[in-house]
């Protein structure tokens, strides 16, 4: 019998039954003894258009019942390598965004005391800022692979400094991001001015717009990203709206012309070998995709993040 927690298999319990945890993994209250933990942040109080991401973690967990433990493409075997559990949701204050931000940071401070790598089920993109605040306390400024339709570097939204369109401006201002170690992939859509993405470039971010990804594999791009990041700690933040709405319609701020699902896999798989210290999958809004497919995309990408964590064994 394995010393590591295992997802509940579909041959021992029907996939439509069993615990509603990420991959039907065991649960525990803290990160003690874990190498990696799945954590939900059921929040949509920082959204600017369609709400519903507070329901994202629950549906991601539900759709994750389709996932099996062994990665047939990369031959990664995370559940033969790491102790993983689902430690539940952060108890945010759904009536107060600034308080919720502080609650999230405090929660992740406790997780990181146990040398556990957090993988977060969102929830909207505001959550990445308080998570990065906690990550930076432990690891210092980190490299960032940010996959998104939007740069999320607004100065303010309705006069507020913290919302789902501002986290990476605040993170840069607060020194949470390593210099010249930020890559943003999939940015697209309409803007308010021609220079909307130039603030990012002026900070030394590498901006890869969606149009630069059309009709091509992103494996060569990720080779360059690995060289850029080197051995520094790296965080992955994946907004599901980076994917084209034809494959991921269940989100709040859809933009046509996005990444394909296979390109999403190439990006996350291409992070293998990096010193990944955390990741999130955000902006799944179940009311806008009753099929559950968007949540399944999110669950799969989170599993792929697990597969590229340091220490994961790969079969021959």
Protein backbone atom coordinates (compact mmCIF):
# COMPACT_ATOMS: atom_id res chain seq x y z
CA UNK A 1 0.00 0.00 0.00
CA UNK A 2 1.33 3.45 -0.94
CA UNK A 3 2.59 5.81 1.75
CA UNK A 4 1.09 8.68 -0.25
CA UNK A 5 -2.53 9.77 -0.41
CA UNK A 6 -4.28 8.52 -3.54
CA UNK A 7 -7.24 9.89 -5.47
CA UNK A 8 -10.31 7.69 -5.18
CA UNK A 9 -10.36 5.57 -8.36
CA UNK A 10 -13.29 5.19 -10.72
CA UNK A 11 -13.15 1.40 -10.47
CA UNK A 12 -13.63 1.39 -6.69
CA UNK A 13 -16.28 4.14 -6.53
CA UNK A 14 -18.37 5.45 -9.45
CA UNK A 15 -17.12 8.81 -10.67
CA UNK A 16 -20.46 10.45 -9.89
CA UNK A 17 -20.14 9.45 -6.23
CA UNK A 18 -17.63 9.71 -3.43
CA UNK A 19 -16.16 12.81 -1.77
CA UNK A 20 -16.43 16.18 -3.52
CA UNK A 21 -12.75 17.01 -3.07
CA UNK A 22 -10.10 17.77 -5.66
CA UNK A 23 -9.59 14.47 -7.50
CA UNK A 24 -11.53 12.86 -4.63
CA UNK A 25 -8.39 13.09 -2.48
CA UNK A 26 -8.42 12.80 1.30
CA UNK A 27 -8.96 15.99 3.26
CA UNK A 28 -7.25 17.43 6.29
CA UNK A 29 -7.56 20.68 8.20
CA UNK A 30 -3.98 21.93 7.89
CA UNK A 31 -1.02 21.51 5.55
CA UNK A 32 0.99 19.59 8.14
CA UNK A 33 2.85 16.69 6.56
CA UNK A 34 1.92 17.68 3.01
CA UNK A 35 4.20 18.40 0.07
CA UNK A 36 1.37 20.07 -1.86
CA UNK A 37 -2.18 21.11 -1.03
CA UNK A 38 -5.23 22.04 -3.07
CA UNK A 39 -6.97 25.07 -1.55
CA UNK A 40 -10.19 26.77 -2.63
CA UNK A 41 -10.83 30.50 -2.47
CA UNK A 42 -14.56 30.92 -3.24
CA UNK A 43 -14.57 34.63 -4.02
CA UNK A 44 -16.13 36.97 -6.58
CA UNK A 45 -16.35 40.27 -4.71
CA UNK A 46 -13.52 41.74 -6.80
CA UNK A 47 -15.09 41.02 -10.20
CA UNK A 48 -15.94 43.77 -12.67
CA UNK A 49 -18.39 42.09 -15.05
CA UNK A 50 -20.13 38.74 -14.63
CA UNK A 51 -20.02 37.26 -11.11
CA UNK A 52 -20.12 33.61 -10.08
CA UNK A 53 -16.49 32.72 -9.40
CA UNK A 54 -17.38 32.15 -5.74
CA UNK A 55 -18.82 28.89 -7.06
CA UNK A 56 -15.66 28.01 -8.99
CA UNK A 57 -13.78 25.90 -6.43
CA UNK A 58 -16.79 23.68 -5.79
CA UNK A 59 -17.38 22.96 -9.48
CA UNK A 60 -13.68 22.48 -10.22
CA UNK A 61 -13.59 19.86 -7.48
CA UNK A 62 -16.71 18.20 -8.86
CA UNK A 63 -15.38 17.99 -12.41
CA UNK A 64 -11.97 16.79 -11.20
CA UNK A 65 -13.53 13.39 -10.56
CA UNK A 66 -12.61 12.60 -14.20
CA UNK A 67 -8.88 12.88 -13.52
CA UNK A 68 -6.73 9.82 -12.96
CA UNK A 69 -3.46 9.77 -11.01
CA UNK A 70 -0.96 9.02 -13.80
CA UNK A 71 -0.13 11.53 -16.56
CA UNK A 72 -0.09 9.53 -19.78
CA UNK A 73 1.57 12.31 -21.82
CA UNK A 74 4.38 13.42 -19.51
CA UNK A 75 4.59 10.17 -17.52
CA UNK A 76 4.48 12.19 -14.31
CA UNK A 77 3.33 10.24 -11.25
CA UNK A 78 2.61 12.91 -8.62
CA UNK A 79 0.83 10.54 -6.24
CA UNK A 80 3.87 8.27 -6.17
CA UNK A 81 6.09 11.25 -5.33
CA UNK A 82 4.31 13.76 -3.11
CA UNK A 83 1.92 13.76 -0.18
CA UNK A 84 -1.10 15.72 -1.40
CA UNK A 85 -4.48 16.52 0.13
CA UNK A 86 -7.36 18.94 -0.27
CA UNK A 87 -7.36 21.25 2.76
CA UNK A 88 -10.63 22.98 1.96
CA UNK A 89 -11.53 26.62 1.43
CA UNK A 90 -10.23 29.90 2.81
CA UNK A 91 -13.02 31.41 4.99
CA UNK A 92 -13.18 34.79 3.24
CA UNK A 93 -15.41 37.68 4.32
CA UNK A 94 -17.78 37.85 1.38
CA UNK A 95 -18.93 41.37 2.34
CA UNK A 96 -15.48 42.98 2.60
CA UNK A 97 -12.76 42.62 -0.04
CA UNK A 98 -9.87 44.24 1.89
CA UNK A 99 -10.56 41.98 4.90
CA UNK A 100 -10.70 38.96 2.60
CA UNK A 101 -7.30 39.87 1.17
CA UNK A 102 -5.79 39.86 4.67
CA UNK A 103 -7.57 36.60 5.55
CA UNK A 104 -6.08 34.93 2.47
CA UNK A 105 -2.53 36.04 3.27
CA UNK A 106 -2.84 34.83 6.86
CA UNK A 107 -4.20 31.46 5.69
CA UNK A 108 -1.32 30.95 3.26
CA UNK A 109 1.22 32.04 5.88
CA UNK A 110 0.09 29.01 7.89
CA UNK A 111 0.25 26.70 4.87
CA UNK A 112 3.77 27.80 4.01
CA UNK A 113 5.00 27.18 7.55
CA UNK A 114 4.75 23.50 6.66
CA UNK A 115 6.90 23.79 3.49
CA UNK A 116 3.81 22.87 1.50
CA UNK A 117 3.28 24.08 -2.09
CA UNK A 118 -0.20 25.59 -2.48
CA UNK A 119 -2.28 25.05 -5.61
CA UNK A 120 -5.32 27.30 -5.53
CA UNK A 121 -8.78 26.79 -6.99
CA UNK A 122 -10.32 30.21 -7.69
CA UNK A 123 -12.19 32.36 -7.24
CA UNK A 124 -11.38 35.58 -9.07
CA UNK A 125 -7.98 37.02 -9.80
CA UNK A 126 -7.83 39.40 -6.85
CA UNK A 127 -6.76 36.39 -4.79
CA UNK A 128 -3.34 36.15 -6.44
CA UNK A 129 -2.11 39.32 -4.74
CA UNK A 130 -2.59 38.12 -1.14
CA UNK A 131 -1.20 34.70 -2.07
CA UNK A 132 1.90 36.32 -3.59
CA UNK A 133 2.31 38.44 -0.44
CA UNK A 134 2.56 35.25 1.58
CA UNK A 135 4.76 33.47 -0.99
CA UNK A 136 7.20 36.41 -1.03
CA UNK A 137 7.53 36.31 2.75
CA UNK A 138 8.91 32.79 2.45
CA UNK A 139 10.72 32.84 -0.89
CA UNK A 140 11.41 36.48 -1.64
CA UNK A 141 10.46 38.00 -5.01
CA UNK A 142 9.37 35.29 -7.43
CA UNK A 143 9.31 34.74 -11.15
CA UNK A 144 5.80 34.76 -12.57
CA UNK A 145 4.18 32.88 -15.43
CA UNK A 146 0.90 34.73 -15.88
CA UNK A 147 -1.52 33.25 -18.42
CA UNK A 148 -4.48 35.51 -19.07
CA UNK A 149 -6.52 37.44 -21.61
CA UNK A 150 -5.90 40.57 -19.54
CA UNK A 151 -2.77 42.14 -18.06
CA UNK A 152 -4.50 42.89 -14.72
CA UNK A 153 -2.29 45.92 -14.13
CA UNK A 154 -4.93 48.66 -13.78
CA UNK A 155 -3.95 51.52 -11.51
CA UNK A 156 -7.44 51.51 -9.95
CA UNK A 157 -10.90 50.13 -10.66
CA UNK A 158 -13.71 52.51 -9.64
CA UNK A 159 -11.14 54.22 -7.47
CA UNK A 160 -10.21 51.02 -5.63
CA UNK A 161 -6.57 49.87 -5.61
CA UNK A 162 -7.41 46.16 -5.18
CA UNK A 163 -9.74 44.25 -7.50
CA UNK A 164 -9.39 41.47 -10.05
CA UNK A 165 -7.91 43.85 -12.63
CA UNK A 166 -5.12 45.22 -10.41
CA UNK A 167 -3.17 42.37 -8.74
CA UNK A 168 -0.03 42.42 -10.84
CA UNK A 169 0.44 46.20 -10.66
CA UNK A 170 0.21 45.98 -6.88
CA UNK A 171 2.52 42.94 -6.83
CA UNK A 172 5.12 44.79 -8.89
CA UNK A 173 4.84 47.91 -6.75
CA UNK A 174 5.22 45.88 -3.57
CA UNK A 175 8.37 44.12 -4.80
CA UNK A 176 6.79 40.67 -4.86
CA UNK A 177 8.02 39.91 -8.40
CA UNK A 178 11.61 39.24 -9.42
CA UNK A 179 13.11 41.71 -11.87
CA UNK A 180 12.86 40.66 -15.52
CA UNK A 181 11.30 37.34 -14.52
CA UNK A 182 7.65 37.95 -15.44
CA UNK A 183 6.02 36.47 -18.54
CA UNK A 184 2.44 37.24 -19.52
CA UNK A 185 0.92 34.94 -22.16
CA UNK A 186 -2.36 35.24 -24.04
CA UNK A 187 -3.14 38.94 -23.62
CA UNK A 188 -5.67 40.16 -26.17
CA UNK A 189 -8.93 41.95 -26.85
CA UNK A 190 -9.86 45.60 -27.01
CA UNK A 191 -8.38 48.32 -24.83
CA UNK A 192 -8.76 51.92 -23.79
CA UNK A 193 -5.52 53.05 -25.45
CA UNK A 194 -2.87 51.65 -27.79
CA UNK A 195 -0.34 51.59 -24.96
CA UNK A 196 -2.45 49.54 -22.51
CA UNK A 197 0.11 46.72 -22.38
CA UNK A 198 3.13 49.03 -22.44
CA UNK A 199 3.18 49.53 -18.67
CA UNK A 200 4.01 45.83 -18.42
CA UNK A 201 6.78 46.09 -20.98
CA UNK A 202 8.16 49.15 -19.21
CA UNK A 203 8.50 47.04 -16.05
CA UNK A 204 10.55 44.45 -17.92
CA UNK A 205 7.69 41.96 -18.27
CA UNK A 206 7.74 39.76 -21.36
CA UNK A 207 4.34 40.18 -23.03
CA UNK A 208 3.25 37.45 -25.44
CA UNK A 209 -0.05 38.53 -26.96
CA UNK A 210 -2.54 35.89 -28.07
CA UNK A 211 -2.02 36.72 -31.72
CA UNK A 212 1.63 35.72 -31.34
CA UNK A 213 0.41 32.28 -30.23
CA UNK A 214 -1.98 31.57 -33.08
CA UNK A 215 -1.23 28.60 -35.35
CA UNK A 216 1.81 27.44 -33.41
CA UNK A 217 3.07 25.23 -30.64
CA UNK A 218 4.07 27.05 -27.47
CA UNK A 219 6.74 24.51 -26.56
CA UNK A 220 9.52 26.72 -28.05
CA UNK A 221 8.22 29.70 -26.07
CA UNK A 222 8.31 27.71 -22.85
CA UNK A 223 11.90 26.64 -23.54
CA UNK A 224 12.77 30.33 -23.59
CA UNK A 225 10.75 30.91 -20.42
CA UNK A 226 12.65 28.15 -18.61
CA UNK A 227 15.93 29.76 -19.63
CA UNK A 228 14.67 33.16 -18.48
CA UNK A 229 13.54 31.90 -15.07
CA UNK A 230 16.59 29.80 -14.27
CA UNK A 231 16.48 28.35 -10.77
CA UNK A 232 14.59 31.14 -8.95
CA UNK A 233 11.25 30.39 -7.25
CA UNK A 234 8.40 30.64 -9.79
CA UNK A 235 4.66 31.11 -9.36
CA UNK A 236 2.09 30.17 -12.03
CA UNK A 237 -1.15 32.14 -12.25
CA UNK A 238 -3.56 30.85 -14.90
CA UNK A 239 -6.77 32.76 -15.60
CA UNK A 240 -9.18 30.44 -17.40
CA UNK A 241 -10.14 33.30 -19.73
CA UNK A 242 -6.72 32.88 -21.35
CA UNK A 243 -8.36 29.99 -23.16
CA UNK A 244 -10.70 30.81 -26.02
CA UNK A 245 -14.36 30.97 -24.95
CA UNK A 246 -15.10 28.21 -27.47
CA UNK A 247 -13.48 25.82 -24.97
CA UNK A 248 -13.89 27.78 -21.72
CA UNK A 249 -17.03 29.96 -21.82
CA UNK A 250 -17.66 29.83 -18.07
CA UNK A 251 -15.86 32.96 -17.01
CA UNK A 252 -16.64 36.59 -16.31
CA UNK A 253 -14.69 38.56 -18.92
CA UNK A 254 -14.55 36.54 -22.13
CA UNK A 255 -12.43 37.60 -25.11
CA UNK A 256 -12.41 35.86 -28.48
CA UNK A 257 -9.21 34.68 -30.14
CA UNK A 258 -7.71 32.99 -27.11
CA UNK A 259 -5.42 30.05 -26.53
CA UNK A 260 -6.45 26.52 -27.39
CA UNK A 261 -6.76 23.93 -24.66
CA UNK A 262 -3.66 22.16 -25.99
CA UNK A 263 -1.68 25.40 -25.81
CA UNK A 264 -2.76 25.74 -22.19
CA UNK A 265 -1.33 22.29 -21.55
CA UNK A 266 1.90 23.18 -23.37
CA UNK A 267 2.39 26.20 -21.12
CA UNK A 268 1.95 24.33 -17.86
CA UNK A 269 3.85 21.24 -19.00
CA UNK A 270 6.58 23.54 -20.25
CA UNK A 271 7.17 24.71 -16.68
CA UNK A 272 8.57 21.29 -15.74
CA UNK A 273 12.04 21.65 -14.26
CA UNK A 274 11.39 25.08 -12.81
CA UNK A 275 11.38 25.74 -9.07
CA UNK A 276 7.60 26.06 -8.81
CA UNK A 277 6.54 27.29 -5.38
CA UNK A 278 2.81 27.74 -6.00
CA UNK A 279 0.11 28.15 -8.58
CA UNK A 280 -3.49 29.11 -9.08
CA UNK A 281 -6.30 28.59 -11.57
CA UNK A 282 -8.79 31.43 -11.37
CA UNK A 283 -11.95 32.97 -12.82
CA UNK A 284 -14.06 29.84 -13.40
CA UNK A 285 -17.69 31.01 -13.18
CA UNK A 286 -19.98 27.96 -13.27
CA UNK A 287 -23.27 29.78 -14.06
CA UNK A 288 -21.95 30.61 -17.53
CA UNK A 289 -21.12 27.03 -18.45
CA UNK A 290 -23.75 24.56 -17.22
CA UNK A 291 -21.90 21.75 -19.04
CA UNK A 292 -19.04 21.93 -16.53
CA UNK A 293 -16.44 21.89 -19.31
CA UNK A 294 -14.79 25.13 -18.20
CA UNK A 295 -14.36 23.73 -14.70
CA UNK A 296 -12.94 20.52 -16.15
CA UNK A 297 -10.38 22.59 -18.09
CA UNK A 298 -9.49 24.27 -14.80
CA UNK A 299 -9.24 21.01 -12.88
CA UNK A 300 -7.02 19.50 -15.56
CA UNK A 301 -4.67 22.48 -15.60
CA UNK A 302 -4.37 22.33 -11.81
CA UNK A 303 -3.52 18.63 -12.07
CA UNK A 304 -0.89 19.51 -14.68
CA UNK A 305 0.56 22.09 -12.26
CA UNK A 306 0.82 19.33 -9.67
CA UNK A 307 2.66 17.21 -12.21
CA UNK A 308 5.40 19.82 -12.74
CA UNK A 309 6.16 20.47 -9.08
CA UNK A 310 9.70 19.78 -7.88
CA UNK A 311 10.17 16.20 -6.76
CA UNK A 312 7.55 14.61 -8.98
CA UNK A 313 8.81 11.35 -10.47
CA UNK A 314 8.39 10.52 -14.14
CA UNK A 315 8.18 7.06 -15.63
CA UNK A 316 10.50 5.92 -18.37
